[in-house]
N, C-alpha and C. Protein backbone atom coordinates (compact mmCIF):
# COMPACT_ATOMS: atom_id res chain seq x y z
N MET A 1 4.42 45.41 -91.11
CA MET A 1 3.87 44.07 -91.29
C MET A 1 3.82 43.38 -89.93
N SER A 2 2.75 42.67 -89.69
CA SER A 2 2.58 42.01 -88.41
C SER A 2 3.50 40.81 -88.31
N ALA A 3 3.97 40.55 -87.09
CA ALA A 3 4.80 39.39 -86.83
C ALA A 3 4.05 38.44 -85.92
N PRO A 4 4.21 37.13 -86.11
CA PRO A 4 3.48 36.17 -85.26
C PRO A 4 3.92 36.29 -83.81
N PRO A 5 3.11 35.77 -82.90
CA PRO A 5 3.40 35.91 -81.48
C PRO A 5 4.68 35.20 -81.07
N LYS A 6 5.23 35.63 -79.96
CA LYS A 6 6.44 34.98 -79.44
C LYS A 6 6.16 33.56 -79.01
N THR A 7 5.00 33.33 -78.40
CA THR A 7 4.63 31.99 -77.95
C THR A 7 4.25 31.13 -79.16
N VAL A 8 4.79 29.94 -79.24
CA VAL A 8 4.51 29.03 -80.35
C VAL A 8 3.67 27.87 -79.82
N LEU A 9 2.46 27.73 -80.36
CA LEU A 9 1.56 26.65 -79.96
C LEU A 9 1.65 25.49 -80.95
N ASP A 10 1.37 24.30 -80.46
CA ASP A 10 1.27 23.11 -81.31
C ASP A 10 -0.15 23.06 -81.85
N VAL A 11 -0.32 23.26 -83.15
CA VAL A 11 -1.64 23.41 -83.74
C VAL A 11 -1.87 22.33 -84.80
N PRO A 12 -2.82 21.42 -84.57
CA PRO A 12 -3.14 20.41 -85.58
C PRO A 12 -3.64 21.06 -86.86
N ALA A 13 -3.42 20.37 -87.99
CA ALA A 13 -3.83 20.91 -89.29
C ALA A 13 -5.32 21.18 -89.34
N ALA A 14 -6.12 20.31 -88.70
CA ALA A 14 -7.58 20.51 -88.72
C ALA A 14 -7.98 21.79 -88.01
N GLU A 15 -7.30 22.11 -86.92
CA GLU A 15 -7.60 23.35 -86.20
C GLU A 15 -7.23 24.56 -87.05
N ALA A 16 -6.08 24.51 -87.69
CA ALA A 16 -5.66 25.63 -88.54
C ALA A 16 -6.65 25.85 -89.68
N GLU A 17 -7.11 24.76 -90.29
CA GLU A 17 -8.06 24.90 -91.39
C GLU A 17 -9.40 25.42 -90.90
N ALA A 18 -9.82 25.04 -89.71
CA ALA A 18 -11.07 25.56 -89.14
C ALA A 18 -10.97 27.07 -88.92
N ILE A 19 -9.81 27.54 -88.50
CA ILE A 19 -9.61 28.98 -88.30
C ILE A 19 -9.67 29.70 -89.65
N ARG A 20 -9.00 29.16 -90.66
CA ARG A 20 -9.05 29.77 -92.00
C ARG A 20 -10.51 29.87 -92.48
N HIS A 21 -11.25 28.80 -92.29
CA HIS A 21 -12.65 28.80 -92.73
C HIS A 21 -13.44 29.87 -91.98
N ALA A 22 -13.19 30.00 -90.68
CA ALA A 22 -13.89 31.01 -89.88
C ALA A 22 -13.59 32.41 -90.39
N VAL A 23 -12.33 32.67 -90.70
CA VAL A 23 -11.95 34.00 -91.18
C VAL A 23 -12.64 34.31 -92.51
N ARG A 24 -12.70 33.31 -93.39
CA ARG A 24 -13.31 33.52 -94.71
C ARG A 24 -14.82 33.75 -94.63
N THR A 25 -15.47 33.19 -93.64
CA THR A 25 -16.93 33.15 -93.63
C THR A 25 -17.60 33.94 -92.50
N VAL A 26 -16.85 34.39 -91.52
CA VAL A 26 -17.46 35.05 -90.36
C VAL A 26 -18.19 36.32 -90.76
N ASP A 27 -19.30 36.60 -90.08
CA ASP A 27 -20.07 37.82 -90.30
C ASP A 27 -19.67 38.85 -89.24
N PRO A 28 -19.02 39.94 -89.64
CA PRO A 28 -18.60 40.94 -88.64
C PRO A 28 -19.76 41.54 -87.86
N ALA A 29 -20.97 41.46 -88.38
CA ALA A 29 -22.13 41.99 -87.65
C ALA A 29 -22.37 41.22 -86.36
N THR A 30 -21.82 40.00 -86.25
CA THR A 30 -21.95 39.26 -84.99
C THR A 30 -21.07 39.87 -83.91
N LEU A 31 -20.11 40.69 -84.29
CA LEU A 31 -19.30 41.44 -83.33
C LEU A 31 -20.01 42.72 -82.93
N ASP A 32 -20.53 43.42 -83.92
CA ASP A 32 -21.15 44.72 -83.68
C ASP A 32 -22.04 44.99 -84.89
N GLY A 33 -23.27 45.39 -84.64
CA GLY A 33 -24.19 45.59 -85.75
C GLY A 33 -23.72 46.60 -86.76
N GLY A 34 -22.84 47.51 -86.35
CA GLY A 34 -22.33 48.52 -87.28
C GLY A 34 -21.02 48.14 -87.93
N ARG A 35 -20.49 46.98 -87.60
CA ARG A 35 -19.17 46.56 -88.11
C ARG A 35 -19.36 45.75 -89.40
N ARG A 36 -18.52 46.01 -90.37
CA ARG A 36 -18.56 45.23 -91.62
C ARG A 36 -17.18 45.21 -92.24
N LEU A 37 -17.01 44.34 -93.23
CA LEU A 37 -15.74 44.25 -93.93
C LEU A 37 -15.51 45.52 -94.75
N ALA A 38 -14.28 45.99 -94.75
CA ALA A 38 -13.92 47.12 -95.60
C ALA A 38 -13.94 46.69 -97.06
N CYS A 39 -14.28 47.63 -97.94
CA CYS A 39 -14.32 47.35 -99.37
C CYS A 39 -13.81 48.59 -100.12
N PRO A 40 -13.61 48.46 -101.43
CA PRO A 40 -13.07 49.62 -102.18
C PRO A 40 -13.91 50.89 -102.03
N ASP A 41 -15.21 50.76 -101.80
CA ASP A 41 -16.04 51.95 -101.62
C ASP A 41 -15.69 52.74 -100.36
N ASP A 42 -14.93 52.13 -99.45
CA ASP A 42 -14.56 52.79 -98.20
C ASP A 42 -13.25 53.56 -98.30
N VAL A 43 -12.57 53.49 -99.41
CA VAL A 43 -11.22 54.05 -99.50
C VAL A 43 -11.21 55.54 -99.18
N GLU A 44 -12.08 56.31 -99.79
CA GLU A 44 -12.07 57.77 -99.57
C GLU A 44 -12.29 58.10 -98.09
N ALA A 45 -13.26 57.41 -97.45
CA ALA A 45 -13.54 57.68 -96.04
C ALA A 45 -12.39 57.20 -95.15
N LEU A 46 -11.74 56.11 -95.53
CA LEU A 46 -10.57 55.66 -94.77
C LEU A 46 -9.42 56.65 -94.88
N VAL A 47 -9.22 57.21 -96.05
CA VAL A 47 -8.18 58.23 -96.20
C VAL A 47 -8.47 59.41 -95.28
N ASP A 48 -9.73 59.83 -95.24
CA ASP A 48 -10.10 60.94 -94.34
C ASP A 48 -9.80 60.59 -92.89
N LEU A 49 -10.16 59.37 -92.48
CA LEU A 49 -9.93 58.95 -91.10
C LEU A 49 -8.44 58.89 -90.78
N LEU A 50 -7.68 58.23 -91.64
CA LEU A 50 -6.28 57.95 -91.34
C LEU A 50 -5.35 59.12 -91.62
N SER A 51 -5.84 60.14 -92.31
CA SER A 51 -5.01 61.32 -92.55
C SER A 51 -4.82 62.15 -91.29
N ASP A 52 -5.63 61.89 -90.28
CA ASP A 52 -5.50 62.58 -89.00
C ASP A 52 -4.41 61.88 -88.18
N PRO A 53 -3.29 62.55 -87.91
CA PRO A 53 -2.20 61.90 -87.16
C PRO A 53 -2.62 61.46 -85.76
N ARG A 54 -3.66 62.07 -85.20
CA ARG A 54 -4.14 61.63 -83.89
C ARG A 54 -4.70 60.22 -83.96
N VAL A 55 -5.10 59.80 -85.16
CA VAL A 55 -5.60 58.45 -85.38
C VAL A 55 -4.49 57.52 -85.82
N SER A 56 -3.72 57.94 -86.82
CA SER A 56 -2.80 57.03 -87.50
C SER A 56 -1.38 57.00 -86.94
N ALA A 57 -0.94 58.08 -86.30
CA ALA A 57 0.47 58.16 -85.90
C ALA A 57 0.93 56.98 -85.03
N PRO A 58 0.12 56.49 -84.07
CA PRO A 58 0.63 55.41 -83.22
C PRO A 58 0.62 54.02 -83.87
N ILE A 59 0.11 53.90 -85.10
CA ILE A 59 -0.12 52.58 -85.69
C ILE A 59 0.94 52.30 -86.75
N TYR A 60 1.70 51.22 -86.56
CA TYR A 60 2.86 50.98 -87.41
C TYR A 60 2.52 50.30 -88.72
N ASP A 61 1.39 49.55 -88.81
CA ASP A 61 1.18 48.71 -89.99
C ASP A 61 0.21 49.33 -91.00
N LEU A 62 0.04 50.64 -90.96
CA LEU A 62 -0.77 51.32 -91.97
C LEU A 62 0.07 51.63 -93.20
N PRO A 63 -0.57 51.78 -94.36
CA PRO A 63 0.19 52.17 -95.56
C PRO A 63 0.71 53.59 -95.41
N ARG A 64 1.91 53.82 -95.88
CA ARG A 64 2.50 55.16 -95.86
C ARG A 64 3.08 55.46 -97.24
N PRO A 65 2.92 56.69 -97.74
CA PRO A 65 2.09 57.74 -97.18
C PRO A 65 0.61 57.38 -97.30
N ILE A 66 -0.23 58.03 -96.54
CA ILE A 66 -1.66 57.75 -96.58
C ILE A 66 -2.28 58.58 -97.68
N ASN A 67 -2.73 57.91 -98.74
CA ASN A 67 -3.43 58.58 -99.83
C ASN A 67 -4.34 57.57 -100.50
N ALA A 68 -5.09 58.00 -101.50
CA ALA A 68 -6.08 57.13 -102.12
C ALA A 68 -5.44 55.87 -102.72
N ASP A 69 -4.27 56.01 -103.34
CA ASP A 69 -3.63 54.86 -103.97
C ASP A 69 -3.14 53.85 -102.95
N THR A 70 -2.47 54.34 -101.91
CA THR A 70 -1.91 53.39 -100.93
C THR A 70 -3.00 52.72 -100.11
N VAL A 71 -4.04 53.46 -99.77
CA VAL A 71 -5.13 52.87 -98.99
C VAL A 71 -5.93 51.89 -99.85
N ALA A 72 -6.14 52.21 -101.12
CA ALA A 72 -6.84 51.27 -102.01
C ALA A 72 -6.06 49.96 -102.13
N ALA A 73 -4.74 50.07 -102.26
CA ALA A 73 -3.90 48.86 -102.34
C ALA A 73 -3.97 48.06 -101.04
N TRP A 74 -4.00 48.76 -99.91
CA TRP A 74 -4.11 48.12 -98.60
C TRP A 74 -5.41 47.36 -98.47
N VAL A 75 -6.52 47.98 -98.89
CA VAL A 75 -7.82 47.31 -98.83
C VAL A 75 -7.83 46.07 -99.71
N ARG A 76 -7.27 46.19 -100.92
CA ARG A 76 -7.22 45.03 -101.83
C ARG A 76 -6.39 43.91 -101.22
N ARG A 77 -5.25 44.27 -100.64
CA ARG A 77 -4.38 43.25 -100.04
C ARG A 77 -5.09 42.54 -98.89
N CYS A 78 -5.82 43.30 -98.10
CA CYS A 78 -6.55 42.68 -96.99
C CYS A 78 -7.65 41.75 -97.50
N GLU A 79 -8.29 42.12 -98.60
CA GLU A 79 -9.30 41.23 -99.19
C GLU A 79 -8.66 39.92 -99.67
N GLU A 80 -7.49 40.03 -100.30
CA GLU A 80 -6.78 38.84 -100.75
C GLU A 80 -6.35 37.96 -99.58
N GLU A 81 -5.89 38.60 -98.52
CA GLU A 81 -5.45 37.84 -97.34
C GLU A 81 -6.64 37.20 -96.63
N ARG A 82 -7.79 37.86 -96.65
CA ARG A 82 -8.98 37.22 -96.07
C ARG A 82 -9.34 35.95 -96.84
N ALA A 83 -9.21 35.99 -98.17
CA ALA A 83 -9.51 34.80 -98.97
C ALA A 83 -8.60 33.63 -98.60
N ARG A 84 -7.43 33.94 -98.04
CA ARG A 84 -6.52 32.88 -97.57
C ARG A 84 -6.76 32.55 -96.09
N GLY A 85 -7.70 33.26 -95.47
CA GLY A 85 -8.00 33.01 -94.07
C GLY A 85 -7.01 33.65 -93.13
N GLU A 86 -6.46 34.82 -93.51
CA GLU A 86 -5.36 35.41 -92.74
C GLU A 86 -5.59 36.85 -92.28
N THR A 87 -6.63 37.53 -92.73
CA THR A 87 -6.82 38.94 -92.36
C THR A 87 -8.30 39.31 -92.40
N LEU A 88 -8.69 40.17 -91.46
CA LEU A 88 -9.99 40.83 -91.52
C LEU A 88 -9.76 42.33 -91.34
N LEU A 89 -10.22 43.12 -92.29
CA LEU A 89 -10.19 44.58 -92.17
C LEU A 89 -11.62 45.05 -92.04
N LEU A 90 -11.97 45.58 -90.87
CA LEU A 90 -13.34 45.94 -90.54
C LEU A 90 -13.46 47.45 -90.34
N VAL A 91 -14.62 47.99 -90.70
CA VAL A 91 -14.87 49.42 -90.50
C VAL A 91 -16.21 49.61 -89.79
N ASN A 92 -16.32 50.75 -89.11
CA ASN A 92 -17.57 51.21 -88.52
C ASN A 92 -17.94 52.53 -89.18
N ARG A 93 -19.20 52.69 -89.51
CA ARG A 93 -19.69 53.99 -89.98
C ARG A 93 -20.69 54.54 -88.98
N ASP A 94 -20.66 55.87 -88.78
CA ASP A 94 -21.58 56.50 -87.83
C ASP A 94 -22.90 56.84 -88.52
N ALA A 95 -23.78 57.50 -87.78
CA ALA A 95 -25.11 57.82 -88.31
C ALA A 95 -25.05 58.73 -89.52
N GLU A 96 -23.96 59.49 -89.64
CA GLU A 96 -23.80 60.39 -90.79
C GLU A 96 -23.12 59.69 -91.97
N GLY A 97 -22.78 58.43 -91.80
CA GLY A 97 -22.16 57.68 -92.88
C GLY A 97 -20.65 57.78 -92.94
N GLN A 98 -20.04 58.50 -91.98
CA GLN A 98 -18.59 58.62 -91.94
C GLN A 98 -17.98 57.44 -91.17
N ILE A 99 -16.78 57.04 -91.56
CA ILE A 99 -16.11 55.96 -90.84
C ILE A 99 -15.63 56.49 -89.49
N SER A 100 -16.10 55.86 -88.43
CA SER A 100 -15.75 56.30 -87.09
C SER A 100 -14.61 55.49 -86.49
N GLY A 101 -14.22 54.41 -87.15
CA GLY A 101 -13.12 53.60 -86.66
C GLY A 101 -12.90 52.39 -87.56
N TYR A 102 -11.77 51.75 -87.34
CA TYR A 102 -11.47 50.53 -88.11
C TYR A 102 -10.74 49.56 -87.19
N SER A 103 -10.79 48.29 -87.57
CA SER A 103 -10.02 47.24 -86.89
C SER A 103 -9.37 46.37 -87.95
N LYS A 104 -8.12 46.03 -87.73
CA LYS A 104 -7.43 45.09 -88.62
C LYS A 104 -6.97 43.91 -87.76
N ILE A 105 -7.46 42.74 -88.11
CA ILE A 105 -7.12 41.52 -87.38
C ILE A 105 -6.25 40.66 -88.30
N THR A 106 -5.04 40.41 -87.87
CA THR A 106 -4.13 39.53 -88.60
C THR A 106 -4.13 38.17 -87.93
N ILE A 107 -4.29 37.12 -88.71
CA ILE A 107 -4.44 35.77 -88.17
C ILE A 107 -3.34 34.86 -88.71
N TRP A 108 -2.79 34.05 -87.82
CA TRP A 108 -1.85 33.00 -88.19
C TRP A 108 -2.50 31.66 -87.85
N PRO A 109 -3.25 31.08 -88.80
CA PRO A 109 -3.99 29.85 -88.48
C PRO A 109 -3.09 28.72 -87.98
N ASP A 110 -1.88 28.60 -88.54
CA ASP A 110 -0.99 27.51 -88.12
C ASP A 110 -0.38 27.76 -86.76
N ARG A 111 -0.64 28.94 -86.19
CA ARG A 111 -0.21 29.25 -84.82
C ARG A 111 -1.41 29.40 -83.88
N SER A 112 -2.64 29.26 -84.43
CA SER A 112 -3.89 29.49 -83.68
C SER A 112 -3.80 30.83 -82.94
N ALA A 113 -3.37 31.85 -83.67
CA ALA A 113 -3.07 33.14 -83.04
C ALA A 113 -3.51 34.29 -83.93
N ALA A 114 -3.68 35.45 -83.31
CA ALA A 114 -4.09 36.63 -84.04
C ALA A 114 -3.56 37.87 -83.35
N GLU A 115 -3.50 38.95 -84.12
CA GLU A 115 -3.12 40.25 -83.60
C GLU A 115 -4.20 41.25 -83.96
N LEU A 116 -4.52 42.15 -83.05
CA LEU A 116 -5.51 43.18 -83.28
C LEU A 116 -4.85 44.55 -83.34
N ALA A 117 -5.20 45.32 -84.36
CA ALA A 117 -4.79 46.72 -84.45
C ALA A 117 -6.02 47.53 -84.86
N GLY A 118 -5.99 48.81 -84.62
CA GLY A 118 -7.13 49.64 -85.03
C GLY A 118 -7.13 50.97 -84.32
N ALA A 119 -8.13 51.76 -84.65
CA ALA A 119 -8.23 53.10 -84.07
C ALA A 119 -9.64 53.62 -84.26
N ILE A 120 -10.01 54.61 -83.45
CA ILE A 120 -11.27 55.31 -83.63
C ILE A 120 -10.99 56.77 -83.92
N ARG A 121 -11.97 57.43 -84.49
CA ARG A 121 -11.83 58.83 -84.89
C ARG A 121 -11.48 59.69 -83.67
N ALA A 122 -10.75 60.74 -83.90
CA ALA A 122 -10.21 61.55 -82.80
C ALA A 122 -11.31 62.09 -81.89
N ASP A 123 -12.46 62.46 -82.46
CA ASP A 123 -13.52 63.03 -81.62
C ASP A 123 -14.19 61.99 -80.72
N ARG A 124 -13.87 60.71 -80.94
CA ARG A 124 -14.45 59.65 -80.10
C ARG A 124 -13.43 59.06 -79.14
N GLN A 125 -12.21 59.52 -79.22
CA GLN A 125 -11.18 59.02 -78.32
C GLN A 125 -11.38 59.60 -76.92
N SER A 126 -10.88 58.86 -75.93
CA SER A 126 -10.96 59.27 -74.52
C SER A 126 -12.39 59.40 -74.03
N ALA A 127 -13.32 58.68 -74.69
CA ALA A 127 -14.72 58.70 -74.27
C ALA A 127 -15.20 57.33 -73.84
N GLY A 128 -14.26 56.39 -73.71
CA GLY A 128 -14.61 55.05 -73.28
C GLY A 128 -15.05 54.12 -74.39
N GLN A 129 -15.27 54.66 -75.60
CA GLN A 129 -15.76 53.82 -76.69
C GLN A 129 -14.70 52.85 -77.19
N GLY A 130 -13.45 53.32 -77.26
CA GLY A 130 -12.39 52.45 -77.73
C GLY A 130 -12.16 51.28 -76.79
N GLY A 131 -12.20 51.55 -75.48
CA GLY A 131 -12.00 50.48 -74.52
C GLY A 131 -13.07 49.43 -74.58
N ALA A 132 -14.34 49.88 -74.62
CA ALA A 132 -15.45 48.93 -74.70
C ALA A 132 -15.37 48.12 -75.99
N GLY A 133 -15.02 48.79 -77.08
CA GLY A 133 -14.91 48.08 -78.36
C GLY A 133 -13.79 47.06 -78.35
N ALA A 134 -12.67 47.39 -77.70
CA ALA A 134 -11.54 46.45 -77.63
C ALA A 134 -11.92 45.20 -76.85
N TRP A 135 -12.61 45.36 -75.73
CA TRP A 135 -13.06 44.19 -74.95
C TRP A 135 -13.93 43.29 -75.81
N ARG A 136 -14.93 43.88 -76.48
CA ARG A 136 -15.84 43.07 -77.31
C ARG A 136 -15.09 42.38 -78.43
N THR A 137 -14.14 43.10 -79.05
CA THR A 137 -13.43 42.53 -80.19
C THR A 137 -12.54 41.37 -79.76
N ILE A 138 -11.83 41.49 -78.66
CA ILE A 138 -11.00 40.39 -78.17
C ILE A 138 -11.86 39.17 -77.89
N ASP A 139 -12.97 39.37 -77.19
CA ASP A 139 -13.86 38.25 -76.88
C ASP A 139 -14.36 37.58 -78.16
N TRP A 140 -14.74 38.39 -79.14
CA TRP A 140 -15.24 37.88 -80.42
C TRP A 140 -14.15 37.12 -81.17
N MET A 141 -12.93 37.60 -81.15
CA MET A 141 -11.84 36.91 -81.84
C MET A 141 -11.65 35.50 -81.29
N PHE A 142 -11.65 35.37 -79.97
CA PHE A 142 -11.51 34.04 -79.39
C PHE A 142 -12.70 33.15 -79.76
N GLU A 143 -13.90 33.71 -79.68
CA GLU A 143 -15.11 32.90 -79.87
C GLU A 143 -15.37 32.61 -81.35
N ALA A 144 -15.41 33.65 -82.18
CA ALA A 144 -15.84 33.49 -83.58
C ALA A 144 -14.74 32.95 -84.48
N LEU A 145 -13.49 33.31 -84.21
CA LEU A 145 -12.39 32.85 -85.07
C LEU A 145 -11.75 31.58 -84.55
N GLY A 146 -11.91 31.30 -83.27
CA GLY A 146 -11.39 30.05 -82.72
C GLY A 146 -9.91 30.04 -82.42
N VAL A 147 -9.28 31.20 -82.37
CA VAL A 147 -7.85 31.23 -82.06
C VAL A 147 -7.66 31.01 -80.56
N ARG A 148 -6.46 30.56 -80.20
CA ARG A 148 -6.14 30.29 -78.80
C ARG A 148 -5.23 31.34 -78.18
N LEU A 149 -4.70 32.26 -79.01
CA LEU A 149 -3.74 33.25 -78.51
C LEU A 149 -3.91 34.55 -79.27
N ILE A 150 -3.86 35.66 -78.55
CA ILE A 150 -3.91 36.99 -79.18
C ILE A 150 -2.74 37.80 -78.67
N CYS A 151 -2.04 38.47 -79.58
CA CYS A 151 -0.93 39.35 -79.20
C CYS A 151 -1.26 40.78 -79.59
N LEU A 152 -0.73 41.71 -78.83
CA LEU A 152 -0.94 43.13 -79.06
C LEU A 152 0.38 43.87 -78.89
N THR A 153 0.54 44.94 -79.64
CA THR A 153 1.70 45.82 -79.46
C THR A 153 1.22 47.26 -79.33
N ALA A 154 2.07 48.09 -78.77
CA ALA A 154 1.81 49.52 -78.70
C ALA A 154 3.13 50.25 -78.73
N ALA A 155 3.13 51.43 -79.31
CA ALA A 155 4.33 52.26 -79.31
C ALA A 155 4.77 52.54 -77.87
N MET A 156 6.07 52.72 -77.68
CA MET A 156 6.62 52.92 -76.34
C MET A 156 5.96 54.08 -75.59
N ASP A 157 5.53 55.10 -76.34
CA ASP A 157 4.95 56.28 -75.70
C ASP A 157 3.43 56.31 -75.76
N ASN A 158 2.81 55.20 -76.19
CA ASN A 158 1.35 55.15 -76.30
C ASN A 158 0.76 54.71 -74.96
N ILE A 159 0.75 55.63 -74.02
CA ILE A 159 0.35 55.31 -72.65
C ILE A 159 -1.12 54.90 -72.59
N ARG A 160 -1.98 55.55 -73.37
CA ARG A 160 -3.41 55.24 -73.32
C ARG A 160 -3.67 53.79 -73.73
N SER A 161 -3.05 53.34 -74.83
CA SER A 161 -3.25 51.96 -75.27
C SER A 161 -2.66 50.97 -74.27
N ALA A 162 -1.48 51.29 -73.74
CA ALA A 162 -0.85 50.40 -72.78
C ALA A 162 -1.72 50.19 -71.55
N ARG A 163 -2.33 51.27 -71.07
CA ARG A 163 -3.21 51.15 -69.90
C ARG A 163 -4.42 50.29 -70.21
N LEU A 164 -5.00 50.46 -71.39
CA LEU A 164 -6.16 49.67 -71.77
C LEU A 164 -5.79 48.18 -71.88
N ILE A 165 -4.67 47.90 -72.54
CA ILE A 165 -4.25 46.51 -72.73
C ILE A 165 -4.02 45.83 -71.39
N GLU A 166 -3.38 46.53 -70.48
CA GLU A 166 -3.11 45.92 -69.18
C GLU A 166 -4.38 45.83 -68.34
N ALA A 167 -5.31 46.74 -68.52
CA ALA A 167 -6.59 46.65 -67.81
C ALA A 167 -7.39 45.43 -68.28
N MET A 168 -7.17 45.01 -69.51
CA MET A 168 -7.85 43.82 -70.01
C MET A 168 -7.19 42.53 -69.54
N GLY A 169 -6.05 42.64 -68.85
CA GLY A 169 -5.40 41.47 -68.30
C GLY A 169 -4.34 40.83 -69.17
N PHE A 170 -3.96 41.48 -70.26
CA PHE A 170 -2.92 40.91 -71.12
C PHE A 170 -1.59 40.85 -70.35
N GLN A 171 -0.80 39.82 -70.65
CA GLN A 171 0.49 39.63 -69.99
C GLN A 171 1.59 40.32 -70.78
N ARG A 172 2.30 41.21 -70.15
CA ARG A 172 3.43 41.90 -70.80
C ARG A 172 4.60 40.93 -70.94
N LEU A 173 5.07 40.79 -72.16
CA LEU A 173 6.19 39.90 -72.46
C LEU A 173 7.32 40.69 -73.11
N GLY A 174 7.71 41.76 -72.47
CA GLY A 174 8.85 42.53 -72.95
C GLY A 174 8.51 43.42 -74.12
N ASP A 175 9.48 43.60 -74.99
CA ASP A 175 9.35 44.49 -76.14
C ASP A 175 9.59 43.70 -77.42
N ARG A 176 9.25 44.32 -78.55
CA ARG A 176 9.61 43.76 -79.85
C ARG A 176 9.71 44.89 -80.85
N ASP A 177 10.45 44.67 -81.92
CA ASP A 177 10.55 45.65 -82.99
C ASP A 177 9.44 45.37 -84.00
N ALA A 178 8.51 46.32 -84.15
CA ALA A 178 7.45 46.21 -85.13
C ALA A 178 7.95 46.84 -86.44
N VAL A 179 7.85 46.08 -87.53
CA VAL A 179 8.40 46.51 -88.81
C VAL A 179 7.27 46.88 -89.76
N ALA A 180 7.27 48.11 -90.25
CA ALA A 180 6.26 48.56 -91.21
C ALA A 180 6.58 48.03 -92.60
N ASP A 181 5.60 48.15 -93.51
CA ASP A 181 5.78 47.66 -94.87
C ASP A 181 6.96 48.33 -95.57
N ASP A 182 7.25 49.57 -95.20
CA ASP A 182 8.35 50.28 -95.84
C ASP A 182 9.70 49.99 -95.18
N GLY A 183 9.71 49.07 -94.22
CA GLY A 183 10.95 48.69 -93.55
C GLY A 183 11.25 49.50 -92.30
N THR A 184 10.45 50.53 -92.02
CA THR A 184 10.64 51.31 -90.82
C THR A 184 10.41 50.44 -89.59
N VAL A 185 11.30 50.59 -88.59
CA VAL A 185 11.20 49.79 -87.38
C VAL A 185 10.69 50.67 -86.23
N ARG A 186 9.68 50.17 -85.52
CA ARG A 186 9.17 50.89 -84.36
C ARG A 186 9.32 50.01 -83.12
N PRO A 187 10.20 50.39 -82.19
CA PRO A 187 10.27 49.66 -80.93
C PRO A 187 8.90 49.70 -80.25
N SER A 188 8.43 48.55 -79.79
CA SER A 188 7.07 48.45 -79.29
C SER A 188 7.00 47.65 -78.00
N LEU A 189 6.03 48.00 -77.17
CA LEU A 189 5.66 47.17 -76.04
C LEU A 189 4.87 45.97 -76.56
N TYR A 190 4.94 44.85 -75.86
CA TYR A 190 4.35 43.61 -76.40
C TYR A 190 3.61 42.85 -75.30
N TRP A 191 2.41 42.36 -75.63
CA TRP A 191 1.58 41.59 -74.70
C TRP A 191 0.97 40.38 -75.40
N GLU A 192 0.59 39.38 -74.60
CA GLU A 192 -0.15 38.23 -75.10
C GLU A 192 -1.29 37.89 -74.13
N MET A 193 -2.31 37.22 -74.69
CA MET A 193 -3.42 36.70 -73.88
C MET A 193 -3.84 35.36 -74.47
N SER A 194 -3.94 34.33 -73.63
CA SER A 194 -4.45 33.04 -74.09
C SER A 194 -5.97 33.00 -73.93
N ARG A 195 -6.61 32.15 -74.70
CA ARG A 195 -8.06 32.00 -74.59
C ARG A 195 -8.46 31.51 -73.21
N ASP A 196 -7.71 30.57 -72.66
CA ASP A 196 -8.03 30.04 -71.34
C ASP A 196 -7.93 31.12 -70.27
N ALA A 197 -6.89 31.94 -70.35
CA ALA A 197 -6.73 33.02 -69.36
C ALA A 197 -7.83 34.07 -69.52
N TRP A 198 -8.23 34.36 -70.75
CA TRP A 198 -9.27 35.35 -70.98
C TRP A 198 -10.61 34.90 -70.40
N ARG A 199 -10.92 33.63 -70.59
CA ARG A 199 -12.21 33.12 -70.12
C ARG A 199 -12.22 32.90 -68.61
N GLY A 200 -11.03 32.72 -68.03
CA GLY A 200 -10.95 32.56 -66.58
C GLY A 200 -11.08 31.11 -66.15
N PRO A 201 -10.74 30.83 -64.90
CA PRO A 201 -10.79 29.46 -64.37
C PRO A 201 -12.21 28.88 -64.46
N GLY A 202 -12.27 27.66 -64.98
CA GLY A 202 -13.55 26.96 -65.05
C GLY A 202 -14.46 27.38 -66.17
N ALA A 203 -14.01 28.32 -67.00
CA ALA A 203 -14.88 28.80 -68.08
C ALA A 203 -14.95 27.77 -69.19
């Protein structure tokens, strides 16, 4: 389960409600023409994607074990959380109709903050696609959702993700224990990025 960021912002009620409204109504196609909200019809393809440990092993907040029942429940829960303005579960499908990646964005409207998790299919890893997608997604989260802070975590041995996060300019703020739904604890590296820092001076 995702935990809110270490940094606590003072967020007016109107700002929090605007973020909830954005989460409920945003069109994922504005991020990427191939991106859309996950739905029950995606469960089988998500199971295929996430059953590959090269995709799922580094990610702490996935349902375990990965099977049709647990993934279906995960998709339903994300739909319910989106209705509250708190989660977006997005998928990409390739030209053959297979899911090539997913993104899960957890939002804390009363903190004006969000966390991004996700993965791409193993055959697309280490080809630059994940990095480019992460840059676009972070930018979109600040712009389309209106949050002021984004936090990210990575497993201690996930060198590839750590390099990407630091290349994007995120500030390392020590470690944190990431807790999965089943109570499993994963020691994790932890970073934050503010909207002002992302946009740069004078933006």
